[in-house]
Amino acid sequence: MDSLLIRAINQAVPDVDVYHDFAPEEAEFPLVIVQRVGGAGNLFINPMEEDGYEVRFSVSVWDVDRLGAVAKSIAIEKSVLSSLEAYAVSAAESVVLDDDRRGMVQDFVITA
């Protein structure tokens, strides 16, 4: 599932680096961070049931300004929802770092 999500992100923002869990300190904005944050896991009693696993991912999109972060976040949302069996848990939320760089965070549930 992780690789499918990253592929959808790369389709939306091909020139932006994508990191798992955290970005290294030397990473430059814009960037995207993907984290597994839960989900139902196996949806059926039989864990071998095809298409029966659900994972919740948090996708953080960071840029040097708010409009850049919002635009990238919208593009990623559209790509994820159109190319994966997924839904957004809620709308993206804005985040501001101490140095005034901006981010958007949104959770998606993906089923495979």
Protein backbone atom coordinates (compact mmCIF):
# COMPACT_ATOMS: atom_id res chain seq x y z
CA MET A 1 0.00 0.00 0.00
CA ASP A 2 2.81 2.38 0.79
CA SER A 3 4.21 2.13 -2.72
CA LEU A 4 0.76 2.70 -4.26
CA LEU A 5 0.28 5.82 -2.15
CA ILE A 6 3.72 7.17 -3.03
CA ARG A 7 3.04 6.52 -6.72
CA ALA A 8 -0.20 8.55 -6.47
CA ILE A 9 1.67 11.36 -4.69
CA ASN A 10 4.43 11.35 -7.33
CA GLN A 11 1.81 11.61 -10.09
CA ALA A 12 0.41 14.74 -8.43
CA VAL A 13 3.71 16.42 -7.49
CA PRO A 14 6.48 14.72 -9.49
CA ASP A 15 9.27 17.12 -8.49
CA VAL A 16 8.66 16.88 -4.73
CA ASP A 17 10.58 14.47 -2.47
CA VAL A 18 8.49 11.98 -0.47
CA TYR A 19 9.74 10.66 2.90
CA HIS A 20 8.50 7.95 5.26
CA ASP A 21 7.74 9.00 8.86
CA PHE A 22 10.04 12.06 8.94
CA ALA A 23 12.26 14.15 6.69
CA PRO A 24 15.99 14.47 7.37
CA GLU A 25 17.10 17.83 8.73
CA GLU A 26 18.86 18.70 5.46
CA ALA A 27 15.69 18.14 3.40
CA GLU A 28 14.49 21.16 1.48
CA PHE A 29 10.92 22.33 1.00
CA PRO A 30 8.66 21.49 -0.72
CA LEU A 31 8.40 17.92 0.56
CA VAL A 32 5.85 15.29 1.54
CA ILE A 33 5.90 13.00 4.59
CA VAL A 34 3.84 9.78 4.66
CA GLN A 35 3.08 7.97 7.94
CA ARG A 36 1.02 4.88 8.76
CA VAL A 37 -1.19 5.98 11.64
CA GLY A 38 -3.66 3.13 12.09
CA GLY A 39 -6.63 1.68 10.32
CA ALA A 40 -8.74 -1.42 10.78
CA GLY A 41 -6.11 -3.89 9.57
CA ASN A 42 -7.78 -7.14 8.50
CA LEU A 43 -11.40 -6.44 7.65
CA PHE A 44 -12.51 -10.07 7.59
CA ILE A 45 -12.26 -13.06 9.93
CA ASN A 46 -10.19 -14.84 7.29
CA PRO A 47 -6.97 -12.78 7.04
CA MET A 48 -6.25 -14.36 3.65
CA GLU A 49 -9.42 -12.80 2.18
CA GLU A 50 -8.49 -10.84 -0.92
CA ASP A 51 -8.99 -7.06 -0.70
CA GLY A 52 -9.40 -7.25 3.03
CA TYR A 53 -6.84 -4.95 4.60
CA GLU A 54 -7.28 -1.30 5.58
CA VAL A 55 -4.57 1.21 6.55
CA ARG A 56 -4.86 4.84 7.59
CA PHE A 57 -2.09 7.11 6.33
CA SER A 58 -1.29 10.67 7.30
CA VAL A 59 0.08 12.76 4.44
CA SER A 60 1.89 15.99 5.34
CA VAL A 61 2.65 18.43 2.54
CA TRP A 62 5.20 21.15 3.32
CA ASP A 63 6.23 24.24 1.37
CA VAL A 64 7.77 27.64 1.94
CA ASP A 65 4.40 29.40 1.69
CA ARG A 66 0.75 28.63 2.36
CA LEU A 67 -0.47 28.79 -1.25
CA GLY A 68 2.19 26.33 -2.38
CA ALA A 69 1.30 23.88 0.39
CA VAL A 70 -2.44 24.17 -0.34
CA ALA A 71 -1.99 23.68 -4.09
CA LYS A 72 0.17 20.58 -3.60
CA SER A 73 -2.21 19.19 -0.98
CA ILE A 74 -5.21 19.55 -3.30
CA ALA A 75 -3.33 17.88 -6.16
CA ILE A 76 -2.32 14.97 -3.91
CA GLU A 77 -5.87 14.54 -2.60
CA LYS A 78 -7.26 14.38 -6.14
CA SER A 79 -4.62 11.88 -7.23
CA VAL A 80 -5.05 9.60 -4.20
CA LEU A 81 -8.84 9.55 -4.44
CA SER A 82 -8.90 8.97 -8.19
CA SER A 83 -6.19 6.31 -8.40
CA LEU A 84 -6.61 4.25 -5.20
CA GLU A 85 -9.43 2.56 -3.34
CA ALA A 86 -9.34 5.26 -0.66
CA TYR A 87 -11.24 8.00 1.09
CA ALA A 88 -10.19 11.12 2.96
CA VAL A 89 -10.93 11.02 6.69
CA SER A 90 -11.44 14.79 6.65
CA ALA A 91 -10.35 17.91 4.81
CA ALA A 92 -6.69 18.89 4.97
CA GLU A 93 -5.68 21.01 7.96
CA SER A 94 -3.05 23.75 7.91
CA VAL A 95 0.06 23.75 10.08
CA VAL A 96 2.58 26.57 10.59
CA LEU A 97 6.14 25.93 11.79
CA ASP A 98 8.09 28.31 14.03
CA ASP A 99 10.02 29.63 11.02
CA ASP A 100 6.71 30.40 9.22
CA ARG A 101 6.95 27.55 6.70
CA ARG A 102 3.55 26.06 5.96
CA GLY A 103 2.08 22.62 5.75
CA MET A 104 -1.16 20.81 5.11
CA VAL A 105 -1.97 17.50 6.82
CA GLN A 106 -4.65 15.08 5.69
CA ASP A 107 -5.44 11.46 6.57
CA PHE A 108 -6.56 8.88 4.04
CA VAL A 109 -7.84 5.35 4.53
CA ILE A 110 -6.71 2.93 1.85
CA THR A 111 -8.11 -0.55 1.33
CA ALA A 112 -6.31 -3.31 -0.54
